[in-house]
Amino acid sequence: MTIAKIIEVISEGDSVDAAIKAAVVEASKTVEGIKQINVDHIEGLVDQNKVTKFRIHAKISFVVKN
């Protein structure tokens, strides 16, 4: 039987794509077997009326080793 665990993360990047990839890269430094990322929320950070960064709130799932 396979067991999966989920962690919640917040990540930031110059694009939504970059924020998602950064979340996986950073999580993979301490977690093995990442299988999926599910983005729950996307924010745009605004400075002087321009979107400068994107922030995501996401859940990353990974397989727990037996």
N, C-alpha and C. Protein backbone atom coordinates (compact mmCIF):
# COMPACT_ATOMS: atom_id res chain seq x y z
N MET A 1 0.84 -1.18 0.00
CA MET A 1 0.00 0.00 0.00
C MET A 1 0.88 1.25 0.00
N THR A 2 0.51 2.23 -0.80
CA THR A 2 1.26 3.47 -0.89
C THR A 2 0.59 4.55 -0.04
N ILE A 3 1.40 5.24 0.73
CA ILE A 3 0.91 6.34 1.56
C ILE A 3 1.52 7.64 1.04
N ALA A 4 0.69 8.67 0.90
CA ALA A 4 1.17 9.99 0.47
C ALA A 4 0.99 10.98 1.62
N LYS A 5 1.86 11.96 1.65
CA LYS A 5 1.79 13.01 2.65
C LYS A 5 1.71 14.34 1.92
N ILE A 6 1.08 15.34 2.53
CA ILE A 6 0.93 16.65 1.90
C ILE A 6 1.50 17.73 2.81
N ILE A 7 2.28 18.64 2.20
CA ILE A 7 2.77 19.81 2.93
C ILE A 7 2.24 21.06 2.23
N GLU A 8 2.05 22.12 2.99
CA GLU A 8 1.61 23.38 2.41
C GLU A 8 2.80 24.32 2.31
N VAL A 9 2.90 25.01 1.17
CA VAL A 9 4.02 25.92 0.93
C VAL A 9 3.52 27.24 0.34
N ILE A 10 4.33 28.27 0.49
CA ILE A 10 4.12 29.56 -0.17
C ILE A 10 5.40 29.85 -0.92
N SER A 11 5.26 30.24 -2.19
CA SER A 11 6.42 30.50 -3.03
C SER A 11 6.18 31.76 -3.86
N GLU A 12 7.29 32.38 -4.28
CA GLU A 12 7.20 33.63 -5.03
C GLU A 12 8.10 33.57 -6.25
N GLY A 13 7.69 34.25 -7.32
CA GLY A 13 8.50 34.29 -8.53
C GLY A 13 8.08 35.42 -9.45
N ASP A 14 8.81 35.60 -10.53
CA ASP A 14 8.50 36.64 -11.51
C ASP A 14 7.28 36.29 -12.36
N SER A 15 6.88 35.02 -12.33
CA SER A 15 5.68 34.55 -13.02
C SER A 15 5.05 33.45 -12.16
N VAL A 16 3.82 33.09 -12.48
CA VAL A 16 3.18 31.99 -11.75
C VAL A 16 3.97 30.71 -11.98
N ASP A 17 4.38 30.50 -13.21
CA ASP A 17 5.17 29.31 -13.56
C ASP A 17 6.46 29.25 -12.74
N ALA A 18 7.14 30.37 -12.63
CA ALA A 18 8.40 30.42 -11.86
C ALA A 18 8.15 30.15 -10.38
N ALA A 19 7.04 30.66 -9.85
CA ALA A 19 6.72 30.43 -8.44
C ALA A 19 6.43 28.95 -8.17
N ILE A 20 5.72 28.30 -9.10
CA ILE A 20 5.43 26.87 -8.95
C ILE A 20 6.72 26.06 -9.00
N LYS A 21 7.56 26.36 -9.98
CA LYS A 21 8.83 25.62 -10.11
C LYS A 21 9.73 25.85 -8.90
N ALA A 22 9.76 27.07 -8.38
CA ALA A 22 10.58 27.37 -7.20
C ALA A 22 10.08 26.60 -5.98
N ALA A 23 8.77 26.46 -5.85
CA ALA A 23 8.21 25.70 -4.73
C ALA A 23 8.67 24.26 -4.77
N VAL A 24 8.63 23.65 -5.94
CA VAL A 24 9.04 22.25 -6.08
C VAL A 24 10.55 22.11 -5.83
N VAL A 25 11.34 23.01 -6.39
CA VAL A 25 12.80 22.95 -6.21
C VAL A 25 13.16 23.07 -4.73
N GLU A 26 12.56 24.04 -4.04
CA GLU A 26 12.89 24.24 -2.63
C GLU A 26 12.41 23.07 -1.77
N ALA A 27 11.20 22.58 -2.02
CA ALA A 27 10.68 21.46 -1.24
C ALA A 27 11.52 20.20 -1.46
N SER A 28 12.00 20.02 -2.68
CA SER A 28 12.77 18.80 -3.00
C SER A 28 14.13 18.77 -2.29
N LYS A 29 14.54 19.87 -1.70
CA LYS A 29 15.80 19.89 -0.95
C LYS A 29 15.68 19.09 0.35
N THR A 30 14.46 18.95 0.86
CA THR A 30 14.27 18.21 2.11
C THR A 30 13.24 17.09 2.00
N VAL A 31 12.53 17.01 0.88
CA VAL A 31 11.49 15.99 0.69
C VAL A 31 11.80 15.19 -0.57
N GLU A 32 11.71 13.87 -0.47
CA GLU A 32 11.92 13.01 -1.64
C GLU A 32 10.59 12.48 -2.14
N GLY A 33 10.53 12.13 -3.40
CA GLY A 33 9.36 11.47 -3.96
C GLY A 33 8.18 12.38 -4.23
N ILE A 34 8.44 13.67 -4.54
CA ILE A 34 7.34 14.59 -4.84
C ILE A 34 6.62 14.11 -6.09
N LYS A 35 5.29 14.05 -6.00
CA LYS A 35 4.47 13.55 -7.10
C LYS A 35 3.56 14.62 -7.70
N GLN A 36 3.20 15.65 -6.93
CA GLN A 36 2.20 16.59 -7.42
C GLN A 36 2.27 17.89 -6.64
N ILE A 37 1.90 18.99 -7.31
CA ILE A 37 1.69 20.27 -6.64
C ILE A 37 0.31 20.78 -7.05
N ASN A 38 -0.45 21.22 -6.06
CA ASN A 38 -1.80 21.72 -6.29
C ASN A 38 -1.85 23.17 -5.80
N VAL A 39 -1.99 24.11 -6.73
CA VAL A 39 -2.00 25.53 -6.38
C VAL A 39 -3.40 25.91 -5.89
N ASP A 40 -3.47 26.38 -4.65
CA ASP A 40 -4.75 26.77 -4.04
C ASP A 40 -5.07 28.24 -4.28
N HIS A 41 -4.04 29.08 -4.35
CA HIS A 41 -4.26 30.52 -4.39
C HIS A 41 -3.11 31.19 -5.12
N ILE A 42 -3.41 32.19 -5.92
CA ILE A 42 -2.40 32.97 -6.63
C ILE A 42 -2.59 34.44 -6.27
N GLU A 43 -1.49 35.12 -5.94
CA GLU A 43 -1.52 36.55 -5.64
C GLU A 43 -0.55 37.28 -6.57
N GLY A 44 -0.89 38.48 -6.93
CA GLY A 44 0.03 39.35 -7.65
C GLY A 44 0.45 40.48 -6.74
N LEU A 45 1.75 40.67 -6.58
CA LEU A 45 2.26 41.75 -5.75
C LEU A 45 2.46 42.98 -6.62
N VAL A 46 1.94 44.11 -6.19
CA VAL A 46 1.92 45.32 -7.01
C VAL A 46 2.82 46.39 -6.39
N ASP A 47 3.63 47.03 -7.24
CA ASP A 47 4.47 48.15 -6.84
C ASP A 47 4.35 49.22 -7.92
N GLN A 48 3.96 50.41 -7.54
CA GLN A 48 3.78 51.53 -8.47
C GLN A 48 2.87 51.16 -9.64
N ASN A 49 1.75 50.55 -9.30
CA ASN A 49 0.72 50.17 -10.27
C ASN A 49 1.15 49.12 -11.28
N LYS A 50 2.18 48.36 -10.98
CA LYS A 50 2.63 47.28 -11.84
C LYS A 50 2.79 46.00 -11.03
N VAL A 51 2.37 44.89 -11.62
CA VAL A 51 2.57 43.59 -10.97
C VAL A 51 4.05 43.26 -11.07
N THR A 52 4.69 43.10 -9.91
CA THR A 52 6.13 42.86 -9.89
C THR A 52 6.50 41.42 -9.57
N LYS A 53 5.67 40.74 -8.80
CA LYS A 53 5.92 39.35 -8.40
C LYS A 53 4.60 38.61 -8.29
N PHE A 54 4.69 37.31 -8.37
CA PHE A 54 3.54 36.44 -8.15
C PHE A 54 3.83 35.52 -6.98
N ARG A 55 2.84 35.31 -6.15
CA ARG A 55 2.98 34.43 -4.99
C ARG A 55 1.90 33.37 -5.07
N ILE A 56 2.29 32.13 -4.79
CA ILE A 56 1.32 31.03 -4.78
C ILE A 56 1.28 30.39 -3.40
N HIS A 57 0.11 29.89 -3.06
CA HIS A 57 -0.09 29.04 -1.89
C HIS A 57 -0.44 27.68 -2.47
N ALA A 58 0.33 26.66 -2.12
CA ALA A 58 0.14 25.37 -2.77
C ALA A 58 0.32 24.22 -1.79
N LYS A 59 -0.16 23.06 -2.22
CA LYS A 59 0.04 21.82 -1.48
C LYS A 59 0.88 20.89 -2.34
N ILE A 60 1.93 20.36 -1.75
CA ILE A 60 2.82 19.43 -2.44
C ILE A 60 2.63 18.05 -1.83
N SER A 61 2.37 17.06 -2.67
CA SER A 61 2.22 15.69 -2.17
C SER A 61 3.42 14.84 -2.55
N PHE A 62 3.76 13.94 -1.65
CA PHE A 62 4.89 13.05 -1.89
C PHE A 62 4.61 11.69 -1.25
N VAL A 63 5.29 10.69 -1.75
CA VAL A 63 5.11 9.32 -1.28
C VAL A 63 5.98 9.11 -0.05
N VAL A 64 5.38 8.51 0.98
CA VAL A 64 6.10 8.17 2.21
C VAL A 64 6.71 6.79 2.01
N LYS A 65 8.01 6.70 2.31
CA LYS A 65 8.68 5.41 2.17
C LYS A 65 8.28 4.47 3.30
N ASN A 66 8.11 3.20 2.97
CA ASN A 66 7.77 2.20 3.98
C ASN A 66 9.00 1.70 4.66
